[in-house]
Amino acid sequence: MAATLSSQLKNICVLFGFRYRKYKEFVQVAVGLGRAIAERKLHLVYRGGDRGLPKLVSEAAFVRGSQVLDIIPKALKP
């Protein structure tokens, strides 16, 4: 019996820039992505931060039950 993609995929990694001031429509897309991740019962791994688009995706996924792992590279750590 062949496994479906959704039964094989458990984690998803999201990488993108922080700033979205110029493109406000990115906010809705980011929140929608977080919701979709949670609906598919995936875990989110993302380049950390407490602002911008990554924060929106992670919050939307987390409040809907996804596990969220925030990775902060040493070079970006204060």
PDB file of N, CA and C in Angstrom:
ATOM      1  N   MET A   1       0.852  -1.179   0.000  1.00  0.00           N
ATOM      2  CA  MET A   1       0.000   0.000   0.000  1.00  0.00           C
ATOM      3  C   MET A   1       0.896   1.240   0.000  1.00  0.00           C
ATOM      4  N   ALA A   2       0.702   2.123  -0.910  1.00  0.00           N
ATOM      5  CA  ALA A   2       1.519   3.337  -1.026  1.00  0.00           C
ATOM      6  C   ALA A   2       1.068   4.375  -0.002  1.00  0.00           C
ATOM      7  N   ALA A   3       2.032   4.962   0.660  1.00  0.00           N
ATOM      8  CA  ALA A   3       1.740   6.012   1.646  1.00  0.00           C
ATOM      9  C   ALA A   3       1.493   7.326   0.918  1.00  0.00           C
ATOM     10  N   THR A   4       0.595   8.123   1.451  1.00  0.00           N
ATOM     11  CA  THR A   4       0.338   9.431   0.874  1.00  0.00           C
ATOM     12  C   THR A   4       1.354  10.428   1.388  1.00  0.00           C
ATOM     13  N   LEU A   5       1.479  11.536   0.694  1.00  0.00           N
ATOM     14  CA  LEU A   5       2.424  12.571   1.108  1.00  0.00           C
ATOM     15  C   LEU A   5       2.121  13.060   2.519  1.00  0.00           C
ATOM     16  N   SER A   6       0.854  13.250   2.845  1.00  0.00           N
ATOM     17  CA  SER A   6       0.503  13.786   4.161  1.00  0.00           C
ATOM     18  C   SER A   6       0.851  12.818   5.286  1.00  0.00           C
ATOM     19  N   SER A   7       0.866  11.515   5.021  1.00  0.00           N
ATOM     20  CA  SER A   7       1.232  10.574   6.072  1.00  0.00           C
ATOM     21  C   SER A   7       2.746  10.494   6.249  1.00  0.00           C
ATOM     22  N   GLN A   8       3.513  10.935   5.256  1.00  0.00           N
ATOM     23  CA  GLN A   8       4.961  10.904   5.344  1.00  0.00           C
ATOM     24  C   GLN A   8       5.522  12.206   5.908  1.00  0.00           C
ATOM     25  N   LEU A   9       4.945  13.315   5.564  1.00  0.00           N
ATOM     26  CA  LEU A   9       5.455  14.626   5.943  1.00  0.00           C
ATOM     27  C   LEU A   9       4.988  14.978   7.352  1.00  0.00           C
ATOM     28  N   LYS A  10       5.939  15.253   8.249  1.00  0.00           N
ATOM     29  CA  LYS A  10       5.604  15.587   9.634  1.00  0.00           C
ATOM     30  C   LYS A  10       6.014  17.000  10.012  1.00  0.00           C
ATOM     31  N   ASN A  11       7.086  17.502   9.404  1.00  0.00           N
ATOM     32  CA  ASN A  11       7.626  18.812   9.739  1.00  0.00           C
ATOM     33  C   ASN A  11       7.756  19.643   8.472  1.00  0.00           C
ATOM     34  N   ILE A  12       7.626  20.934   8.634  1.00  0.00           N
ATOM     35  CA  ILE A  12       7.834  21.847   7.523  1.00  0.00           C
ATOM     36  C   ILE A  12       8.693  23.004   8.033  1.00  0.00           C
ATOM     37  N   CYS A  13       9.641  23.420   7.216  1.00  0.00           N
ATOM     38  CA  CYS A  13      10.529  24.515   7.575  1.00  0.00           C
ATOM     39  C   CYS A  13      10.181  25.718   6.710  1.00  0.00           C
ATOM     40  N   VAL A  14      10.019  26.858   7.341  1.00  0.00           N
ATOM     41  CA  VAL A  14       9.653  28.082   6.640  1.00  0.00           C
ATOM     42  C   VAL A  14      10.762  29.113   6.844  1.00  0.00           C
ATOM     43  N   LEU A  15      11.300  29.616   5.753  1.00  0.00           N
ATOM     44  CA  LEU A  15      12.340  30.642   5.793  1.00  0.00           C
ATOM     45  C   LEU A  15      11.945  31.792   4.876  1.00  0.00           C
ATOM     46  N   PHE A  16      11.955  32.986   5.397  1.00  0.00           N
ATOM     47  CA  PHE A  16      11.669  34.167   4.591  1.00  0.00           C
ATOM     48  C   PHE A  16      12.043  35.404   5.372  1.00  0.00           C
ATOM     49  N   GLY A  17      11.968  36.548   4.727  1.00  0.00           N
ATOM     50  CA  GLY A  17      12.350  37.804   5.359  1.00  0.00           C
ATOM     51  C   GLY A  17      11.342  38.273   6.387  1.00  0.00           C
ATOM     52  N   PHE A  18      11.776  39.214   7.208  1.00  0.00           N
ATOM     53  CA  PHE A  18      10.947  39.719   8.289  1.00  0.00           C
ATOM     54  C   PHE A  18      10.010  40.844   7.875  1.00  0.00           C
ATOM     55  N   ARG A  19      10.460  41.717   7.009  1.00  0.00           N
ATOM     56  CA  ARG A  19       9.731  42.959   6.748  1.00  0.00           C
ATOM     57  C   ARG A  19       8.625  42.774   5.723  1.00  0.00           C
ATOM     58  N   TYR A  20       7.497  43.383   6.033  1.00  0.00           N
ATOM     59  CA  TYR A  20       6.369  43.293   5.113  1.00  0.00           C
ATOM     60  C   TYR A  20       5.611  44.611   5.002  1.00  0.00           C
ATOM     61  N   ARG A  21       6.166  45.679   5.508  1.00  0.00           N
ATOM     62  CA  ARG A  21       5.473  46.969   5.516  1.00  0.00           C
ATOM     63  C   ARG A  21       4.979  47.374   4.127  1.00  0.00           C
ATOM     64  N   LYS A  22       5.794  47.128   3.127  1.00  0.00           N
ATOM     65  CA  LYS A  22       5.433  47.535   1.777  1.00  0.00           C
ATOM     66  C   LYS A  22       4.329  46.658   1.186  1.00  0.00           C
ATOM     67  N   TYR A  23       4.219  45.419   1.664  1.00  0.00           N
ATOM     68  CA  TYR A  23       3.272  44.465   1.097  1.00  0.00           C
ATOM     69  C   TYR A  23       2.351  43.930   2.188  1.00  0.00           C
ATOM     70  N   LYS A  24       1.332  44.674   2.522  1.00  0.00           N
ATOM     71  CA  LYS A  24       0.419  44.316   3.606  1.00  0.00           C
ATOM     72  C   LYS A  24      -0.337  43.015   3.333  1.00  0.00           C
ATOM     73  N   GLU A  25      -0.514  42.662   2.061  1.00  0.00           N
ATOM     74  CA  GLU A  25      -1.231  41.420   1.747  1.00  0.00           C
ATOM     75  C   GLU A  25      -0.456  40.187   2.212  1.00  0.00           C
ATOM     76  N   PHE A  26       0.838  40.345   2.474  1.00  0.00           N
ATOM     77  CA  PHE A  26       1.637  39.232   2.976  1.00  0.00           C
ATOM     78  C   PHE A  26       1.179  38.802   4.364  1.00  0.00           C
ATOM     79  N   VAL A  27       0.582  39.700   5.119  1.00  0.00           N
ATOM     80  CA  VAL A  27       0.091  39.376   6.458  1.00  0.00           C
ATOM     81  C   VAL A  27      -0.964  38.287   6.369  1.00  0.00           C
ATOM     82  N   GLN A  28      -1.935  38.458   5.501  1.00  0.00           N
ATOM     83  CA  GLN A  28      -2.998  37.471   5.346  1.00  0.00           C
ATOM     84  C   GLN A  28      -2.456  36.137   4.858  1.00  0.00           C
ATOM     85  N   VAL A  29      -1.506  36.188   3.951  1.00  0.00           N
ATOM     86  CA  VAL A  29      -0.902  34.964   3.425  1.00  0.00           C
ATOM     87  C   VAL A  29      -0.133  34.237   4.530  1.00  0.00           C
ATOM     88  N   ALA A  30       0.596  34.975   5.349  1.00  0.00           N
ATOM     89  CA  ALA A  30       1.372  34.372   6.434  1.00  0.00           C
ATOM     90  C   ALA A  30       0.452  33.687   7.448  1.00  0.00           C
ATOM     91  N   VAL A  31      -0.603  34.351   7.830  1.00  0.00           N
ATOM     92  CA  VAL A  31      -1.554  33.765   8.777  1.00  0.00           C
ATOM     93  C   VAL A  31      -2.233  32.546   8.144  1.00  0.00           C
ATOM     94  N   GLY A  32      -2.579  32.645   6.882  1.00  0.00           N
ATOM     95  CA  GLY A  32      -3.179  31.506   6.176  1.00  0.00           C
ATOM     96  C   GLY A  32      -2.242  30.314   6.108  1.00  0.00           C
ATOM     97  N   LEU A  33      -0.959  30.584   5.901  1.00  0.00           N
ATOM     98  CA  LEU A  33       0.029  29.505   5.878  1.00  0.00           C
ATOM     99  C   LEU A  33       0.108  28.826   7.241  1.00  0.00           C
ATOM    100  N   GLY A  34       0.136  29.605   8.306  1.00  0.00           N
ATOM    101  CA  GLY A  34       0.155  29.025   9.651  1.00  0.00           C
ATOM    102  C   GLY A  34      -1.067  28.167   9.915  1.00  0.00           C
ATOM    103  N   ARG A  35      -2.223  28.629   9.502  1.00  0.00           N
ATOM    104  CA  ARG A  35      -3.459  27.852   9.659  1.00  0.00           C
ATOM    105  C   ARG A  35      -3.392  26.551   8.866  1.00  0.00           C
ATOM    106  N   ALA A  36      -2.909  26.635   7.638  1.00  0.00           N
ATOM    107  CA  ALA A  36      -2.808  25.445   6.786  1.00  0.00           C
ATOM    108  C   ALA A  36      -1.849  24.417   7.379  1.00  0.00           C
ATOM    109  N   ILE A  37      -0.760  24.883   7.958  1.00  0.00           N
ATOM    110  CA  ILE A  37       0.198  23.983   8.603  1.00  0.00           C
ATOM    111  C   ILE A  37      -0.482  23.229   9.741  1.00  0.00           C
ATOM    112  N   ALA A  38      -1.235  23.955  10.561  1.00  0.00           N
ATOM    113  CA  ALA A  38      -1.926  23.330  11.687  1.00  0.00           C
ATOM    114  C   ALA A  38      -3.022  22.379  11.207  1.00  0.00           C
ATOM    115  N   GLU A  39      -3.777  22.771  10.202  1.00  0.00           N
ATOM    116  CA  GLU A  39      -4.850  21.918   9.679  1.00  0.00           C
ATOM    117  C   GLU A  39      -4.318  20.584   9.174  1.00  0.00           C
ATOM    118  N   ARG A  40      -3.107  20.599   8.644  1.00  0.00           N
ATOM    119  CA  ARG A  40      -2.490  19.378   8.120  1.00  0.00           C
ATOM    120  C   ARG A  40      -1.698  18.626   9.187  1.00  0.00           C
ATOM    121  N   LYS A  41      -1.797  19.127  10.430  1.00  0.00           N
ATOM    122  CA  LYS A  41      -1.143  18.518  11.584  1.00  0.00           C
ATOM    123  C   LYS A  41       0.369  18.367  11.389  1.00  0.00           C
ATOM    124  N   LEU A  42       0.964  19.407  10.831  1.00  0.00           N
ATOM    125  CA  LEU A  42       2.407  19.456  10.643  1.00  0.00           C
ATOM    126  C   LEU A  42       3.043  20.234  11.788  1.00  0.00           C
ATOM    127  N   HIS A  43       4.324  20.010  12.003  1.00  0.00           N
ATOM    128  CA  HIS A  43       5.102  20.781  12.967  1.00  0.00           C
ATOM    129  C   HIS A  43       5.890  21.818  12.181  1.00  0.00           C
ATOM    130  N   LEU A  44       6.015  22.995  12.744  1.00  0.00           N
ATOM    131  CA  LEU A  44       6.692  24.101  12.072  1.00  0.00           C
ATOM    132  C   LEU A  44       8.077  24.323  12.657  1.00  0.00           C
ATOM    133  N   VAL A  45       9.067  24.432  11.773  1.00  0.00           N
ATOM    134  CA  VAL A  45      10.418  24.835  12.132  1.00  0.00           C
ATOM    135  C   VAL A  45      10.674  26.120  11.352  1.00  0.00           C
ATOM    136  N   TYR A  46      11.103  27.167  12.033  1.00  0.00           N
ATOM    137  CA  TYR A  46      11.325  28.420  11.328  1.00  0.00           C
ATOM    138  C   TYR A  46      12.503  29.171  11.902  1.00  0.00           C
ATOM    139  N   ARG A  47      13.058  30.048  11.085  1.00  0.00           N
ATOM    140  CA  ARG A  47      14.138  30.899  11.560  1.00  0.00           C
ATOM    141  C   ARG A  47      13.532  31.885  12.534  1.00  0.00           C
ATOM    142  N   GLY A  48      13.999  31.832  13.739  1.00  0.00           N
ATOM    143  CA  GLY A  48      13.377  32.523  14.852  1.00  0.00           C
ATOM    144  C   GLY A  48      13.283  34.025  14.761  1.00  0.00           C
ATOM    145  N   GLY A  49      12.569  34.517  15.680  1.00  0.00           N
ATOM    146  CA  GLY A  49      12.360  35.944  15.795  1.00  0.00           C
ATOM    147  C   GLY A  49      10.998  36.209  16.383  1.00  0.00           C
ATOM    148  N   ASP A  50      10.856  37.375  16.947  1.00  0.00           N
ATOM    149  CA  ASP A  50       9.590  37.715  17.584  1.00  0.00           C
ATOM    150  C   ASP A  50       8.889  38.852  16.857  1.00  0.00           C
ATOM    151  N   ARG A  51       9.109  38.915  15.547  1.00  0.00           N
ATOM    152  CA  ARG A  51       8.471  39.985  14.777  1.00  0.00           C
ATOM    153  C   ARG A  51       8.280  39.536  13.329  1.00  0.00           C
ATOM    154  N   GLY A  52       7.516  40.316  12.625  1.00  0.00           N
ATOM    155  CA  GLY A  52       7.357  40.109  11.192  1.00  0.00           C
ATOM    156  C   GLY A  52       6.599  38.862  10.796  1.00  0.00           C
ATOM    157  N   LEU A  53       6.801  38.463   9.554  1.00  0.00           N
ATOM    158  CA  LEU A  53       6.074  37.348   8.974  1.00  0.00           C
ATOM    159  C   LEU A  53       6.324  36.020   9.681  1.00  0.00           C
ATOM    160  N   PRO A  54       7.571  35.694  10.052  1.00  0.00           N
ATOM    161  CA  PRO A  54       7.764  34.428  10.762  1.00  0.00           C
ATOM    162  C   PRO A  54       6.933  34.337  12.044  1.00  0.00           C
ATOM    163  N   LYS A  55       6.836  35.429  12.762  1.00  0.00           N
ATOM    164  CA  LYS A  55       6.032  35.444  13.989  1.00  0.00           C
ATOM    165  C   LYS A  55       4.562  35.181  13.669  1.00  0.00           C
ATOM    166  N   LEU A  56       4.054  35.784  12.612  1.00  0.00           N
ATOM    167  CA  LEU A  56       2.654  35.595  12.240  1.00  0.00           C
ATOM    168  C   LEU A  56       2.358  34.146  11.873  1.00  0.00           C
ATOM    169  N   VAL A  57       3.246  33.541  11.088  1.00  0.00           N
ATOM    170  CA  VAL A  57       3.060  32.134  10.705  1.00  0.00           C
ATOM    171  C   VAL A  57       3.099  31.250  11.936  1.00  0.00           C
ATOM    172  N   SER A  58       4.102  31.457  12.782  1.00  0.00           N
ATOM    173  CA  SER A  58       4.264  30.592  13.959  1.00  0.00           C
ATOM    174  C   SER A  58       3.098  30.739  14.936  1.00  0.00           C
ATOM    175  N   GLU A  59       2.636  31.945  15.160  1.00  0.00           N
ATOM    176  CA  GLU A  59       1.503  32.145  16.068  1.00  0.00           C
ATOM    177  C   GLU A  59       0.242  31.483  15.535  1.00  0.00           C
ATOM    178  N   ALA A  60      -0.008  31.645  14.245  1.00  0.00           N
ATOM    179  CA  ALA A  60      -1.211  31.055  13.646  1.00  0.00           C
ATOM    180  C   ALA A  60      -1.169  29.533  13.733  1.00  0.00           C
ATOM    181  N   ALA A  61       0.006  28.950  13.525  1.00  0.00           N
ATOM    182  CA  ALA A  61       0.138  27.492  13.618  1.00  0.00           C
ATOM    183  C   ALA A  61       0.022  27.034  15.078  1.00  0.00           C
ATOM    184  N   PHE A  62       0.702  27.734  15.977  1.00  0.00           N
ATOM    185  CA  PHE A  62       0.739  27.341  17.387  1.00  0.00           C
ATOM    186  C   PHE A  62      -0.641  27.390  18.039  1.00  0.00           C
ATOM    187  N   VAL A  63      -1.379  28.457  17.847  1.00  0.00           N
ATOM    188  CA  VAL A  63      -2.687  28.581  18.502  1.00  0.00           C
ATOM    189  C   VAL A  63      -3.683  27.550  17.987  1.00  0.00           C
ATOM    190  N   ARG A  64      -3.370  26.946  16.851  1.00  0.00           N
ATOM    191  CA  ARG A  64      -4.241  25.908  16.297  1.00  0.00           C
ATOM    192  C   ARG A  64      -3.707  24.502  16.556  1.00  0.00           C
ATOM    193  N   GLY A  65      -2.670  24.401  17.414  1.00  0.00           N
ATOM    194  CA  GLY A  65      -2.240  23.094  17.879  1.00  0.00           C
ATOM    195  C   GLY A  65      -0.954  22.530  17.312  1.00  0.00           C
ATOM    196  N   SER A  66      -0.293  23.224  16.416  1.00  0.00           N
ATOM    197  CA  SER A  66       0.971  22.725  15.876  1.00  0.00           C
ATOM    198  C   SER A  66       2.104  22.943  16.871  1.00  0.00           C
ATOM    199  N   GLN A  67       3.081  22.054  16.834  1.00  0.00           N
ATOM    200  CA  GLN A  67       4.309  22.281  17.584  1.00  0.00           C
ATOM    201  C   GLN A  67       5.165  23.222  16.753  1.00  0.00           C
ATOM    202  N   VAL A  68       5.816  24.166  17.420  1.00  0.00           N
ATOM    203  CA  VAL A  68       6.605  25.182  16.731  1.00  0.00           C
ATOM    204  C   VAL A  68       8.013  25.203  17.322  1.00  0.00           C
ATOM    205  N   LEU A  69       9.009  25.098  16.444  1.00  0.00           N
ATOM    206  CA  LEU A  69      10.405  25.156  16.870  1.00  0.00           C
ATOM    207  C   LEU A  69      11.046  26.384  16.248  1.00  0.00           C
ATOM    208  N   ASP A  70      11.544  27.250  17.109  1.00  0.00           N
ATOM    209  CA  ASP A  70      12.137  28.522  16.719  1.00  0.00           C
ATOM    210  C   ASP A  70      13.659  28.359  16.713  1.00  0.00           C
ATOM    211  N   ILE A  71      14.279  28.461  15.546  1.00  0.00           N
ATOM    212  CA  ILE A  71      15.733  28.318  15.408  1.00  0.00           C
ATOM    213  C   ILE A  71      16.340  29.708  15.237  1.00  0.00           C
ATOM    214  N   ILE A  72      17.317  30.039  16.092  1.00  0.00           N
ATOM    215  CA  ILE A  72      18.011  31.314  15.976  1.00  0.00           C
ATOM    216  C   ILE A  72      19.494  31.017  15.751  1.00  0.00           C
ATOM    217  N   PRO A  73      20.026  31.338  14.575  1.00  0.00           N
ATOM    218  CA  PRO A  73      21.453  31.112  14.331  1.00  0.00           C
ATOM    219  C   PRO A  73      22.301  31.916  15.298  1.00  0.00           C
ATOM    220  N   LYS A  74      23.469  31.375  15.663  1.00  0.00           N
ATOM    221  CA  LYS A  74      24.359  32.062  16.596  1.00  0.00           C
ATOM    222  C   LYS A  74      24.688  33.479  16.138  1.00  0.00           C
ATOM    223  N   ALA A  75      24.875  33.654  14.851  1.00  0.00           N
ATOM    224  CA  ALA A  75      25.242  34.979  14.327  1.00  0.00           C
ATOM    225  C   ALA A  75      24.157  36.021  14.569  1.00  0.00           C
ATOM    226  N   LEU A  76      22.913  35.588  14.718  1.00  0.00           N
ATOM    227  CA  LEU A  76      21.806  36.523  14.933  1.00  0.00           C
ATOM    228  C   LEU A  76      21.408  36.662  16.391  1.00  0.00           C
ATOM    229  N   LYS A  77      21.975  35.838  17.234  1.00  0.00           N
ATOM    230  CA  LYS A  77      21.629  35.870  18.648  1.00  0.00           C
ATOM    231  C   LYS A  77      22.273  37.085  19.306  1.00  0.00           C
ATOM    232  N   PRO A  78      21.489  37.848  20.094  1.00  0.00           N
ATOM    233  CA  PRO A  78      22.046  39.046  20.734  1.00  0.00           C
ATOM    234  C   PRO A  78      23.105  38.720  21.771  1.00  0.00           C
TER     235      PRO A  78
END
